[in-house]
Amino acid sequence: QVQVVESGGGLVQPGGSLRLSCAASGSISSVSAMGWYRQAPGKQRDLVAQITTGGITKYADSVKGRFTISRDNAKTANLQMNSLKPEDTAVYYCSASIYTSPTFSYGTYWGQGTQVTVSS
């Protein structure tokens, strides 16, 4: 069984910073790309940032220069969010593309989401 767990959400004032963390655990052979998505009320879930095992990153235009995705190791990913704006308010989800053990089946696994609220 595979689990993906996020942490680090909360309430922050505009202009502030938050750091989200994501950890994959369980019957894992390897983790390829990891990413952060967000979903605001009434809107679709959109990609925020993604990072490959080789460290190649991709960002949504709306967060470029403010957010940074990184990986501590093969099974964890972080999202440093600076200069936060009210429009960044959403539930943030971590995704991990995983080869499971021992069957080596491939799939994308999601965390339960963590709320980020930017408000004064």
PDB file of N, CA and C in Angstrom:
ATOM      1  N   GLN A   1       0.846  -1.181   0.000  1.00  0.00           N
ATOM      2  CA  GLN A   1       0.000   0.000   0.000  1.00  0.00           C
ATOM      3  C   GLN A   1       0.890   1.241   0.000  1.00  0.00           C
ATOM      4  N   VAL A   2       0.425   2.281  -0.690  1.00  0.00           N
ATOM      5  CA  VAL A   2       1.193   3.517  -0.826  1.00  0.00           C
ATOM      6  C   VAL A   2       0.405   4.661  -0.200  1.00  0.00           C
ATOM      7  N   GLN A   3       1.106   5.534   0.499  1.00  0.00           N
ATOM      8  CA  GLN A   3       0.500   6.735   1.071  1.00  0.00           C
ATOM      9  C   GLN A   3       1.287   7.964   0.640  1.00  0.00           C
ATOM     10  N   VAL A   4       0.554   9.043   0.392  1.00  0.00           N
ATOM     11  CA  VAL A   4       1.148  10.347   0.129  1.00  0.00           C
ATOM     12  C   VAL A   4       0.523  11.314   1.127  1.00  0.00           C
ATOM     13  N   VAL A   5       1.351  11.971   1.915  1.00  0.00           N
ATOM     14  CA  VAL A   5       0.850  12.818   2.994  1.00  0.00           C
ATOM     15  C   VAL A   5       1.464  14.208   2.887  1.00  0.00           C
ATOM     16  N   GLU A   6       0.596  15.235   2.913  1.00  0.00           N
ATOM     17  CA  GLU A   6       1.051  16.617   2.883  1.00  0.00           C
ATOM     18  C   GLU A   6       0.996  17.207   4.288  1.00  0.00           C
ATOM     19  N   SER A   7       1.792  18.254   4.497  1.00  0.00           N
ATOM     20  CA  SER A   7       1.743  19.008   5.742  1.00  0.00           C
ATOM     21  C   SER A   7       2.198  20.433   5.469  1.00  0.00           C
ATOM     22  N   GLY A   8       1.853  21.333   6.381  1.00  0.00           N
ATOM     23  CA  GLY A   8       2.387  22.683   6.320  1.00  0.00           C
ATOM     24  C   GLY A   8       1.431  23.770   5.897  1.00  0.00           C
ATOM     25  N   GLY A   9       0.185  23.449   5.632  1.00  0.00           N
ATOM     26  CA  GLY A   9      -0.766  24.491   5.259  1.00  0.00           C
ATOM     27  C   GLY A   9      -1.135  25.357   6.454  1.00  0.00           C
ATOM     28  N   GLY A  10      -1.941  26.381   6.174  1.00  0.00           N
ATOM     29  CA  GLY A  10      -2.375  27.250   7.254  1.00  0.00           C
ATOM     30  C   GLY A  10      -2.845  28.589   6.749  1.00  0.00           C
ATOM     31  N   LEU A  11      -2.988  29.517   7.696  1.00  0.00           N
ATOM     32  CA  LEU A  11      -3.432  30.870   7.404  1.00  0.00           C
ATOM     33  C   LEU A  11      -2.233  31.814   7.435  1.00  0.00           C
ATOM     34  N   VAL A  12      -2.100  32.645   6.420  1.00  0.00           N
ATOM     35  CA  VAL A  12      -0.990  33.580   6.341  1.00  0.00           C
ATOM     36  C   VAL A  12      -1.485  34.892   5.748  1.00  0.00           C
ATOM     37  N   GLN A  13      -0.860  35.995   6.128  1.00  0.00           N
ATOM     38  CA  GLN A  13      -1.240  37.298   5.587  1.00  0.00           C
ATOM     39  C   GLN A  13      -0.651  37.488   4.199  1.00  0.00           C
ATOM     40  N   PRO A  14      -1.275  38.316   3.378  1.00  0.00           N
ATOM     41  CA  PRO A  14      -0.691  38.625   2.062  1.00  0.00           C
ATOM     42  C   PRO A  14       0.741  39.103   2.200  1.00  0.00           C
ATOM     43  N   GLY A  15       1.600  38.595   1.311  1.00  0.00           N
ATOM     44  CA  GLY A  15       3.019  38.916   1.372  1.00  0.00           C
ATOM     45  C   GLY A  15       3.831  37.956   2.214  1.00  0.00           C
ATOM     46  N   GLY A  16       3.157  37.082   2.941  1.00  0.00           N
ATOM     47  CA  GLY A  16       3.836  36.137   3.805  1.00  0.00           C
ATOM     48  C   GLY A  16       4.314  34.893   3.073  1.00  0.00           C
ATOM     49  N   SER A  17       4.839  33.943   3.846  1.00  0.00           N
ATOM     50  CA  SER A  17       5.416  32.720   3.292  1.00  0.00           C
ATOM     51  C   SER A  17       4.879  31.498   4.019  1.00  0.00           C
ATOM     52  N   LEU A  18       4.838  30.402   3.291  1.00  0.00           N
ATOM     53  CA  LEU A  18       4.512  29.084   3.855  1.00  0.00           C
ATOM     54  C   LEU A  18       5.352  28.049   3.140  1.00  0.00           C
ATOM     55  N   ARG A  19       5.619  26.959   3.843  1.00  0.00           N
ATOM     56  CA  ARG A  19       6.350  25.838   3.242  1.00  0.00           C
ATOM     57  C   ARG A  19       5.507  24.581   3.399  1.00  0.00           C
ATOM     58  N   LEU A  20       5.188  23.960   2.272  1.00  0.00           N
ATOM     59  CA  LEU A  20       4.459  22.706   2.271  1.00  0.00           C
ATOM     60  C   LEU A  20       5.427  21.557   2.070  1.00  0.00           C
ATOM     61  N   SER A  21       5.137  20.447   2.736  1.00  0.00           N
ATOM     62  CA  SER A  21       5.957  19.248   2.586  1.00  0.00           C
ATOM     63  C   SER A  21       5.081  18.072   2.194  1.00  0.00           C
ATOM     64  N   CYS A  22       5.678  17.150   1.460  1.00  0.00           N
ATOM     65  CA  CYS A  22       4.967  15.968   0.985  1.00  0.00           C
ATOM     66  C   CYS A  22       5.885  14.767   1.118  1.00  0.00           C
ATOM     67  N   ALA A  23       5.352  13.674   1.650  1.00  0.00           N
ATOM     68  CA  ALA A  23       6.145  12.463   1.799  1.00  0.00           C
ATOM     69  C   ALA A  23       5.364  11.260   1.296  1.00  0.00           C
ATOM     70  N   ALA A  24       6.017  10.457   0.479  1.00  0.00           N
ATOM     71  CA  ALA A  24       5.436   9.198  -0.005  1.00  0.00           C
ATOM     72  C   ALA A  24       6.031   8.055   0.805  1.00  0.00           C
ATOM     73  N   SER A  25       5.188   7.089   1.146  1.00  0.00           N
ATOM     74  CA  SER A  25       5.671   5.956   1.938  1.00  0.00           C
ATOM     75  C   SER A  25       4.891   4.705   1.570  1.00  0.00           C
ATOM     76  N   GLY A  26       5.400   3.560   2.040  1.00  0.00           N
ATOM     77  CA  GLY A  26       4.723   2.293   1.776  1.00  0.00           C
ATOM     78  C   GLY A  26       5.526   1.412   0.842  1.00  0.00           C
ATOM     79  N   SER A  27       4.789   0.608   0.093  1.00  0.00           N
ATOM     80  CA  SER A  27       5.411  -0.376  -0.798  1.00  0.00           C
ATOM     81  C   SER A  27       5.846   0.282  -2.104  1.00  0.00           C
ATOM     82  N   ILE A  28       6.962   0.984  -2.037  1.00  0.00           N
ATOM     83  CA  ILE A  28       7.452   1.786  -3.154  1.00  0.00           C
ATOM     84  C   ILE A  28       8.774   1.241  -3.663  1.00  0.00           C
ATOM     85  N   SER A  29       8.833   1.044  -4.962  1.00  0.00           N
ATOM     86  CA  SER A  29      10.104   0.699  -5.584  1.00  0.00           C
ATOM     87  C   SER A  29      10.865   1.968  -5.961  1.00  0.00           C
ATOM     88  N   SER A  30      10.175   2.902  -6.603  1.00  0.00           N
ATOM     89  CA  SER A  30      10.798   4.180  -6.931  1.00  0.00           C
ATOM     90  C   SER A  30       9.711   5.224  -7.184  1.00  0.00           C
ATOM     91  N   VAL A  31      10.114   6.486  -7.022  1.00  0.00           N
ATOM     92  CA  VAL A  31       9.216   7.613  -7.266  1.00  0.00           C
ATOM     93  C   VAL A  31       9.814   8.437  -8.394  1.00  0.00           C
ATOM     94  N   SER A  32       9.024   8.719  -9.420  1.00  0.00           N
ATOM     95  CA  SER A  32       9.542   9.558 -10.489  1.00  0.00           C
ATOM     96  C   SER A  32       9.118  11.004 -10.209  1.00  0.00           C
ATOM     97  N   ALA A  33       8.285  11.595 -11.000  1.00  0.00           N
ATOM     98  CA  ALA A  33       7.925  12.998 -10.783  1.00  0.00           C
ATOM     99  C   ALA A  33       7.047  13.175  -9.552  1.00  0.00           C
ATOM    100  N   MET A  34       7.218  14.321  -8.900  1.00  0.00           N
ATOM    101  CA  MET A  34       6.331  14.735  -7.814  1.00  0.00           C
ATOM    102  C   MET A  34       5.843  16.129  -8.140  1.00  0.00           C
ATOM    103  N   GLY A  35       4.623  16.421  -7.723  1.00  0.00           N
ATOM    104  CA  GLY A  35       4.073  17.723  -8.067  1.00  0.00           C
ATOM    105  C   GLY A  35       3.105  18.231  -7.027  1.00  0.00           C
ATOM    106  N   TRP A  36       2.841  19.519  -7.126  1.00  0.00           N
ATOM    107  CA  TRP A  36       1.837  20.180  -6.301  1.00  0.00           C
ATOM    108  C   TRP A  36       0.756  20.757  -7.205  1.00  0.00           C
ATOM    109  N   TYR A  37      -0.474  20.505  -6.819  1.00  0.00           N
ATOM    110  CA  TYR A  37      -1.638  21.042  -7.508  1.00  0.00           C
ATOM    111  C   TYR A  37      -2.464  21.815  -6.489  1.00  0.00           C
ATOM    112  N   ARG A  38      -3.348  22.655  -6.977  1.00  0.00           N
ATOM    113  CA  ARG A  38      -4.245  23.360  -6.057  1.00  0.00           C
ATOM    114  C   ARG A  38      -5.630  23.478  -6.663  1.00  0.00           C
ATOM    115  N   GLN A  39      -6.607  23.540  -5.774  1.00  0.00           N
ATOM    116  CA  GLN A  39      -7.993  23.647  -6.196  1.00  0.00           C
ATOM    117  C   GLN A  39      -8.711  24.628  -5.293  1.00  0.00           C
ATOM    118  N   ALA A  40      -9.177  25.720  -5.890  1.00  0.00           N
ATOM    119  CA  ALA A  40      -9.973  26.704  -5.166  1.00  0.00           C
ATOM    120  C   ALA A  40     -11.448  26.327  -5.289  1.00  0.00           C
ATOM    121  N   PRO A  41     -12.292  26.809  -4.379  1.00  0.00           N
ATOM    122  CA  PRO A  41     -13.723  26.466  -4.434  1.00  0.00           C
ATOM    123  C   PRO A  41     -14.338  26.821  -5.783  1.00  0.00           C
ATOM    124  N   GLY A  42     -15.036  25.843  -6.362  1.00  0.00           N
ATOM    125  CA  GLY A  42     -15.706  26.068  -7.628  1.00  0.00           C
ATOM    126  C   GLY A  42     -14.814  26.037  -8.850  1.00  0.00           C
ATOM    127  N   LYS A  43     -13.542  25.716  -8.655  1.00  0.00           N
ATOM    128  CA  LYS A  43     -12.603  25.704  -9.778  1.00  0.00           C
ATOM    129  C   LYS A  43     -11.992  24.323  -9.943  1.00  0.00           C
ATOM    130  N   GLN A  44     -11.341  24.105 -11.087  1.00  0.00           N
ATOM    131  CA  GLN A  44     -10.709  22.816 -11.328  1.00  0.00           C
ATOM    132  C   GLN A  44      -9.360  22.762 -10.615  1.00  0.00           C
ATOM    133  N   ARG A  45      -8.840  21.555 -10.484  1.00  0.00           N
ATOM    134  CA  ARG A  45      -7.528  21.360  -9.877  1.00  0.00           C
ATOM    135  C   ARG A  45      -6.464  21.636 -10.941  1.00  0.00           C
ATOM    136  N   ASP A  46      -5.551  22.543 -10.628  1.00  0.00           N
ATOM    137  CA  ASP A  46      -4.530  22.962 -11.577  1.00  0.00           C
ATOM    138  C   ASP A  46      -3.128  22.678 -11.051  1.00  0.00           C
ATOM    139  N   LEU A  47      -2.210  22.436 -11.980  1.00  0.00           N
ATOM    140  CA  LEU A  47      -0.807  22.244 -11.626  1.00  0.00           C
ATOM    141  C   LEU A  47      -0.215  23.552 -11.105  1.00  0.00           C
ATOM    142  N   VAL A  48       0.510  23.458  -9.996  1.00  0.00           N
ATOM    143  CA  VAL A  48       1.254  24.590  -9.450  1.00  0.00           C
ATOM    144  C   VAL A  48       2.734  24.446  -9.798  1.00  0.00           C
ATOM    145  N   ALA A  49       3.298  23.274  -9.490  1.00  0.00           N
ATOM    146  CA  ALA A  49       4.718  23.046  -9.738  1.00  0.00           C
ATOM    147  C   ALA A  49       4.972  21.545  -9.798  1.00  0.00           C
ATOM    148  N   GLN A  50       6.005  21.177 -10.551  1.00  0.00           N
ATOM    149  CA  GLN A  50       6.353  19.772 -10.701  1.00  0.00           C
ATOM    150  C   GLN A  50       7.865  19.643 -10.756  1.00  0.00           C
ATOM    151  N   ILE A  51       8.386  18.510 -10.248  1.00  0.00           N
ATOM    152  CA  ILE A  51       9.829  18.270 -10.281  1.00  0.00           C
ATOM    153  C   ILE A  51      10.079  16.810 -10.598  1.00  0.00           C
ATOM    154  N   THR A  52      11.027  16.556 -11.492  1.00  0.00           N
ATOM    155  CA  THR A  52      11.379  15.194 -11.866  1.00  0.00           C
ATOM    156  C   THR A  52      12.490  14.670 -10.964  1.00  0.00           C
ATOM    157  N   THR A  53      12.822  13.399 -11.126  1.00  0.00           N
ATOM    158  CA  THR A  53      13.923  12.834 -10.351  1.00  0.00           C
ATOM    159  C   THR A  53      15.238  13.512 -10.698  1.00  0.00           C
ATOM    160  N   GLY A  54      15.337  14.028 -11.910  1.00  0.00           N
ATOM    161  CA  GLY A  54      16.560  14.716 -12.320  1.00  0.00           C
ATOM    162  C   GLY A  54      16.597  16.172 -11.909  1.00  0.00           C
ATOM    163  N   GLY A  55      15.545  16.629 -11.228  1.00  0.00           N
ATOM    164  CA  GLY A  55      15.531  18.002 -10.746  1.00  0.00           C
ATOM    165  C   GLY A  55      14.985  19.016 -11.736  1.00  0.00           C
ATOM    166  N   ILE A  56      14.410  18.546 -12.832  1.00  0.00           N
ATOM    167  CA  ILE A  56      13.812  19.475 -13.791  1.00  0.00           C
ATOM    168  C   ILE A  56      12.476  19.947 -13.238  1.00  0.00           C
ATOM    169  N   THR A  57      12.267  21.252 -13.240  1.00  0.00           N
ATOM    170  CA  THR A  57      11.065  21.828 -12.634  1.00  0.00           C
ATOM    171  C   THR A  57      10.194  22.518 -13.675  1.00  0.00           C
ATOM    172  N   LYS A  58       8.918  22.583 -13.332  1.00  0.00           N
ATOM    173  CA  LYS A  58       7.943  23.295 -14.155  1.00  0.00           C
ATOM    174  C   LYS A  58       7.003  24.018 -13.212  1.00  0.00           C
ATOM    175  N   TYR A  59       6.633  25.265 -13.557  1.00  0.00           N
ATOM    176  CA  TYR A  59       5.767  26.075 -12.709  1.00  0.00           C
ATOM    177  C   TYR A  59       4.616  26.666 -13.508  1.00  0.00           C
ATOM    178  N   ALA A  60       3.497  26.853 -12.837  1.00  0.00           N
ATOM    179  CA  ALA A  60       2.417  27.638 -13.424  1.00  0.00           C
ATOM    180  C   ALA A  60       2.884  29.083 -13.540  1.00  0.00           C
ATOM    181  N   ASP A  61       2.453  29.772 -14.574  1.00  0.00           N
ATOM    182  CA  ASP A  61       2.885  31.155 -14.777  1.00  0.00           C
ATOM    183  C   ASP A  61       2.550  32.023 -13.570  1.00  0.00           C
ATOM    184  N   SER A  62       1.445  31.735 -12.918  1.00  0.00           N
ATOM    185  CA  SER A  62       0.988  32.579 -11.815  1.00  0.00           C
ATOM    186  C   SER A  62       1.869  32.507 -10.576  1.00  0.00           C
ATOM    187  N   VAL A  63       2.736  31.494 -10.493  1.00  0.00           N
ATOM    188  CA  VAL A  63       3.580  31.347  -9.294  1.00  0.00           C
ATOM    189  C   VAL A  63       5.067  31.477  -9.598  1.00  0.00           C
ATOM    190  N   LYS A  64       5.434  31.626 -10.852  1.00  0.00           N
ATOM    191  CA  LYS A  64       6.856  31.750 -11.206  1.00  0.00           C
ATOM    192  C   LYS A  64       7.484  32.929 -10.479  1.00  0.00           C
ATOM    193  N   GLY A  65       8.661  32.677  -9.905  1.00  0.00           N
ATOM    194  CA  GLY A  65       9.363  33.713  -9.171  1.00  0.00           C
ATOM    195  C   GLY A  65       8.947  33.850  -7.723  1.00  0.00           C
ATOM    196  N   ARG A  66       7.856  33.190  -7.349  1.00  0.00           N
ATOM    197  CA  ARG A  66       7.378  33.265  -5.957  1.00  0.00           C
ATOM    198  C   ARG A  66       7.440  31.903  -5.253  1.00  0.00           C
ATOM    199  N   PHE A  67       7.175  30.832  -5.995  1.00  0.00           N
ATOM    200  CA  PHE A  67       7.165  29.489  -5.420  1.00  0.00           C
ATOM    201  C   PHE A  67       8.379  28.712  -5.907  1.00  0.00           C
ATOM    202  N   THR A  68       8.891  27.831  -5.044  1.00  0.00           N
ATOM    203  CA  THR A  68      10.006  26.971  -5.412  1.00  0.00           C
ATOM    204  C   THR A  68       9.720  25.549  -4.955  1.00  0.00           C
ATOM    205  N   ILE A  69       9.799  24.601  -5.896  1.00  0.00           N
ATOM    206  CA  ILE A  69       9.623  23.193  -5.559  1.00  0.00           C
ATOM    207  C   ILE A  69      10.995  22.546  -5.434  1.00  0.00           C
ATOM    208  N   SER A  70      11.131  21.633  -4.476  1.00  0.00           N
ATOM    209  CA  SER A  70      12.403  20.950  -4.271  1.00  0.00           C
ATOM    210  C   SER A  70      12.142  19.553  -3.740  1.00  0.00           C
ATOM    211  N   ARG A  71      13.177  18.731  -3.802  1.00  0.00           N
ATOM    212  CA  ARG A  71      13.090  17.372  -3.254  1.00  0.00           C
ATOM    213  C   ARG A  71      14.239  17.174  -2.288  1.00  0.00           C
ATOM    214  N   ASP A  72      13.899  16.732  -1.058  1.00  0.00           N
ATOM    215  CA  ASP A  72      14.928  16.402  -0.076  1.00  0.00           C
ATOM    216  C   ASP A  72      15.582  15.067  -0.409  1.00  0.00           C
ATOM    217  N   ASN A  73      14.751  14.142  -0.849  1.00  0.00           N
ATOM    218  CA  ASN A  73      15.226  12.814  -1.226  1.00  0.00           C
ATOM    219  C   ASN A  73      14.253  12.238  -2.242  1.00  0.00           C
ATOM    220  N   ALA A  74      14.364  10.959  -2.506  1.00  0.00           N
ATOM    221  CA  ALA A  74      13.565  10.363  -3.574  1.00  0.00           C
ATOM    222  C   ALA A  74      12.078  10.362  -3.278  1.00  0.00           C
ATOM    223  N   LYS A  75      11.714  10.435  -1.984  1.00  0.00           N
ATOM    224  CA  LYS A  75      10.308  10.252  -1.632  1.00  0.00           C
ATOM    225  C   LYS A  75       9.664  11.469  -0.991  1.00  0.00           C
ATOM    226  N   THR A  76      10.343  12.598  -0.967  1.00  0.00           N
ATOM    227  CA  THR A  76       9.770  13.801  -0.378  1.00  0.00           C
ATOM    228  C   THR A  76       9.920  14.988  -1.325  1.00  0.00           C
ATOM    229  N   ALA A  77       8.960  15.886  -1.239  1.00  0.00           N
ATOM    230  CA  ALA A  77       9.002  17.106  -2.038  1.00  0.00           C
ATOM    231  C   ALA A  77       8.464  18.249  -1.193  1.00  0.00           C
ATOM    232  N   ASN A  78       9.017  19.424  -1.406  1.00  0.00           N
ATOM    233  CA  ASN A  78       8.596  20.606  -0.672  1.00  0.00           C
ATOM    234  C   ASN A  78       8.170  21.702  -1.645  1.00  0.00           C
ATOM    235  N   LEU A  79       7.317  22.584  -1.169  1.00  0.00           N
ATOM    236  CA  LEU A  79       6.923  23.753  -1.942  1.00  0.00           C
ATOM    237  C   LEU A  79       7.084  24.978  -1.050  1.00  0.00           C
ATOM    238  N   GLN A  80       8.084  25.780  -1.342  1.00  0.00           N
ATOM    239  CA  GLN A  80       8.296  27.033  -0.625  1.00  0.00           C
ATOM    240  C   GLN A  80       7.497  28.112  -1.329  1.00  0.00           C
ATOM    241  N   MET A  81       6.582  28.732  -0.610  1.00  0.00           N
ATOM    242  CA  MET A  81       5.696  29.737  -1.193  1.00  0.00           C
ATOM    243  C   MET A  81       5.977  31.088  -0.539  1.00  0.00           C
ATOM    244  N   ASN A  82       6.455  32.033  -1.328  1.00  0.00           N
ATOM    245  CA  ASN A  82       6.758  33.379  -0.843  1.00  0.00           C
ATOM    246  C   ASN A  82       5.841  34.394  -1.529  1.00  0.00           C
ATOM    247  N   SER A  83       5.792  35.577  -0.949  1.00  0.00           N
ATOM    248  CA  SER A  83       4.979  36.664  -1.512  1.00  0.00           C
ATOM    249  C   SER A  83       3.565  36.186  -1.829  1.00  0.00           C
ATOM    250  N   LEU A  84       2.962  35.536  -0.876  1.00  0.00           N
ATOM    251  CA  LEU A  84       1.642  34.950  -1.095  1.00  0.00           C
ATOM    252  C   LEU A  84       0.581  36.019  -1.317  1.00  0.00           C
ATOM    253  N   LYS A  85      -0.370  35.672  -2.166  1.00  0.00           N
ATOM    254  CA  LYS A  85      -1.469  36.568  -2.521  1.00  0.00           C
ATOM    255  C   LYS A  85      -2.806  35.905  -2.157  1.00  0.00           C
ATOM    256  N   PRO A  86      -3.842  36.693  -1.963  1.00  0.00           N
ATOM    257  CA  PRO A  86      -5.152  36.095  -1.663  1.00  0.00           C
ATOM    258  C   PRO A  86      -5.595  35.079  -2.723  1.00  0.00           C
ATOM    259  N   GLU A  87      -5.220  35.303  -3.962  1.00  0.00           N
ATOM    260  CA  GLU A  87      -5.616  34.376  -5.017  1.00  0.00           C
ATOM    261  C   GLU A  87      -4.867  33.045  -4.965  1.00  0.00           C
ATOM    262  N   ASP A  88      -3.896  32.924  -4.084  1.00  0.00           N
ATOM    263  CA  ASP A  88      -3.228  31.634  -3.866  1.00  0.00           C
ATOM    264  C   ASP A  88      -4.026  30.741  -2.917  1.00  0.00           C
ATOM    265  N   THR A  89      -5.085  31.276  -2.337  1.00  0.00           N
ATOM    266  CA  THR A  89      -5.912  30.498  -1.420  1.00  0.00           C
ATOM    267  C   THR A  89      -6.544  29.317  -2.138  1.00  0.00           C
ATOM    268  N   ALA A  90      -6.323  28.119  -1.594  1.00  0.00           N
ATOM    269  CA  ALA A  90      -6.826  26.897  -2.211  1.00  0.00           C
ATOM    270  C   ALA A  90      -6.455  25.710  -1.319  1.00  0.00           C
ATOM    271  N   VAL A  91      -6.982  24.558  -1.666  1.00  0.00           N
ATOM    272  CA  VAL A  91      -6.487  23.307  -1.103  1.00  0.00           C
ATOM    273  C   VAL A  91      -5.347  22.831  -2.009  1.00  0.00           C
ATOM    274  N   TYR A  92      -4.211  22.570  -1.406  1.00  0.00           N
ATOM    275  CA  TYR A  92      -3.030  22.144  -2.149  1.00  0.00           C
ATOM    276  C   TYR A  92      -2.850  20.634  -2.002  1.00  0.00           C
ATOM    277  N   TYR A  93      -2.686  19.973  -3.145  1.00  0.00           N
ATOM    278  CA  TYR A  93      -2.541  18.524  -3.184  1.00  0.00           C
ATOM    279  C   TYR A  93      -1.164  18.157  -3.726  1.00  0.00           C
ATOM    280  N   CYS A  94      -0.573  17.146  -3.107  1.00  0.00           N
ATOM    281  CA  CYS A  94       0.677  16.589  -3.614  1.00  0.00           C
ATOM    282  C   CYS A  94       0.368  15.358  -4.448  1.00  0.00           C
ATOM    283  N   SER A  95       1.081  15.212  -5.550  1.00  0.00           N
ATOM    284  CA  SER A  95       0.964  13.998  -6.353  1.00  0.00           C
ATOM    285  C   SER A  95       2.347  13.380  -6.529  1.00  0.00           C
ATOM    286  N   ALA A  96       2.359  12.068  -6.606  1.00  0.00           N
ATOM    287  CA  ALA A  96       3.619  11.348  -6.791  1.00  0.00           C
ATOM    288  C   ALA A  96       3.400  10.229  -7.798  1.00  0.00           C
ATOM    289  N   SER A  97       4.277  10.163  -8.783  1.00  0.00           N
ATOM    290  CA  SER A  97       4.217   9.089  -9.774  1.00  0.00           C
ATOM    291  C   SER A  97       5.126   7.963  -9.293  1.00  0.00           C
ATOM    292  N   ILE A  98       4.531   6.816  -9.014  1.00  0.00           N
ATOM    293  CA  ILE A  98       5.216   5.780  -8.232  1.00  0.00           C
ATOM    294  C   ILE A  98       5.175   4.427  -8.927  1.00  0.00           C
ATOM    295  N   TYR A  99       6.331   3.750  -8.884  1.00  0.00           N
ATOM    296  CA  TYR A  99       6.402   2.332  -9.209  1.00  0.00           C
ATOM    297  C   TYR A  99       6.336   1.575  -7.881  1.00  0.00           C
ATOM    298  N   THR A 100       5.329   0.718  -7.764  1.00  0.00           N
ATOM    299  CA  THR A 100       5.150   0.027  -6.491  1.00  0.00           C
ATOM    300  C   THR A 100       6.042  -1.210  -6.409  1.00  0.00           C
ATOM    301  N   SER A 101       6.168  -1.703  -5.220  1.00  0.00           N
ATOM    302  CA  SER A 101       6.931  -2.918  -4.947  1.00  0.00           C
ATOM    303  C   SER A 101       5.968  -3.968  -4.384  1.00  0.00           C
ATOM    304  N   PRO A 102       6.068  -5.233  -4.739  1.00  0.00           N
ATOM    305  CA  PRO A 102       7.067  -5.827  -5.634  1.00  0.00           C
ATOM    306  C   PRO A 102       6.620  -5.942  -7.093  1.00  0.00           C
ATOM    307  N   THR A 103       5.371  -5.488  -7.406  1.00  0.00           N
ATOM    308  CA  THR A 103       4.821  -5.737  -8.742  1.00  0.00           C
ATOM    309  C   THR A 103       5.338  -4.766  -9.798  1.00  0.00           C
ATOM    310  N   PHE A 104       5.937  -3.647  -9.358  1.00  0.00           N
ATOM    311  CA  PHE A 104       6.456  -2.621 -10.266  1.00  0.00           C
ATOM    312  C   PHE A 104       5.354  -2.011 -11.113  1.00  0.00           C
ATOM    313  N   SER A 105       4.136  -2.013 -10.602  1.00  0.00           N
ATOM    314  CA  SER A 105       3.062  -1.326 -11.309  1.00  0.00           C
ATOM    315  C   SER A 105       3.220   0.175 -11.120  1.00  0.00           C
ATOM    316  N   TYR A 106       2.712   0.948 -12.093  1.00  0.00           N
ATOM    317  CA  TYR A 106       2.946   2.394 -12.128  1.00  0.00           C
ATOM    318  C   TYR A 106       1.627   3.133 -11.970  1.00  0.00           C
ATOM    319  N   GLY A 107       1.644   4.159 -11.146  1.00  0.00           N
ATOM    320  CA  GLY A 107       0.441   4.960 -10.986  1.00  0.00           C
ATOM    321  C   GLY A 107       0.730   6.284 -10.330  1.00  0.00           C
ATOM    322  N   THR A 108      -0.229   7.190 -10.391  1.00  0.00           N
ATOM    323  CA  THR A 108      -0.134   8.489  -9.726  1.00  0.00           C
ATOM    324  C   THR A 108      -0.961   8.452  -8.456  1.00  0.00           C
ATOM    325  N   TYR A 109      -0.334   8.797  -7.366  1.00  0.00           N
ATOM    326  CA  TYR A 109      -0.978   8.769  -6.065  1.00  0.00           C
ATOM    327  C   TYR A 109      -1.104  10.198  -5.533  1.00  0.00           C
ATOM    328  N   TRP A 110      -2.206  10.448  -4.829  1.00  0.00           N
ATOM    329  CA  TRP A 110      -2.513  11.784  -4.334  1.00  0.00           C
ATOM    330  C   TRP A 110      -2.604  11.806  -2.814  1.00  0.00           C
ATOM    331  N   GLY A 111      -2.200  12.933  -2.249  1.00  0.00           N
ATOM    332  CA  GLY A 111      -2.421  13.162  -0.842  1.00  0.00           C
ATOM    333  C   GLY A 111      -3.842  13.644  -0.588  1.00  0.00           C
ATOM    334  N   GLN A 112      -4.141  13.863   0.690  1.00  0.00           N
ATOM    335  CA  GLN A 112      -5.503  14.254   1.074  1.00  0.00           C
ATOM    336  C   GLN A 112      -5.738  15.757   0.925  1.00  0.00           C
ATOM    337  N   GLY A 113      -4.683  16.514   0.727  1.00  0.00           N
ATOM    338  CA  GLY A 113      -4.796  17.960   0.557  1.00  0.00           C
ATOM    339  C   GLY A 113      -4.561  18.717   1.854  1.00  0.00           C
ATOM    340  N   THR A 114      -4.034  19.922   1.717  1.00  0.00           N
ATOM    341  CA  THR A 114      -3.825  20.794   2.863  1.00  0.00           C
ATOM    342  C   THR A 114      -4.294  22.201   2.489  1.00  0.00           C
ATOM    343  N   GLN A 115      -5.034  22.844   3.386  1.00  0.00           N
ATOM    344  CA  GLN A 115      -5.618  24.145   3.102  1.00  0.00           C
ATOM    345  C   GLN A 115      -4.586  25.251   3.275  1.00  0.00           C
ATOM    346  N   VAL A 116      -4.506  26.119   2.290  1.00  0.00           N
ATOM    347  CA  VAL A 116      -3.709  27.338   2.378  1.00  0.00           C
ATOM    348  C   VAL A 116      -4.656  28.514   2.208  1.00  0.00           C
ATOM    349  N   THR A 117      -4.676  29.392   3.196  1.00  0.00           N
ATOM    350  CA  THR A 117      -5.542  30.568   3.154  1.00  0.00           C
ATOM    351  C   THR A 117      -4.677  31.812   3.310  1.00  0.00           C
ATOM    352  N   VAL A 118      -4.791  32.714   2.347  1.00  0.00           N
ATOM    353  CA  VAL A 118      -4.033  33.970   2.380  1.00  0.00           C
ATOM    354  C   VAL A 118      -5.044  35.095   2.576  1.00  0.00           C
ATOM    355  N   SER A 119      -4.984  35.680   3.743  1.00  0.00           N
ATOM    356  CA  SER A 119      -5.980  36.698   4.085  1.00  0.00           C
ATOM    357  C   SER A 119      -5.457  37.579   5.199  1.00  0.00           C
ATOM    358  N   SER A 120      -5.869  38.847   5.164  1.00  0.00           N
ATOM    359  CA  SER A 120      -5.513  39.768   6.242  1.00  0.00           C
ATOM    360  C   SER A 120      -6.613  39.787   7.307  1.00  0.00           C
TER     361      SER A 120
END
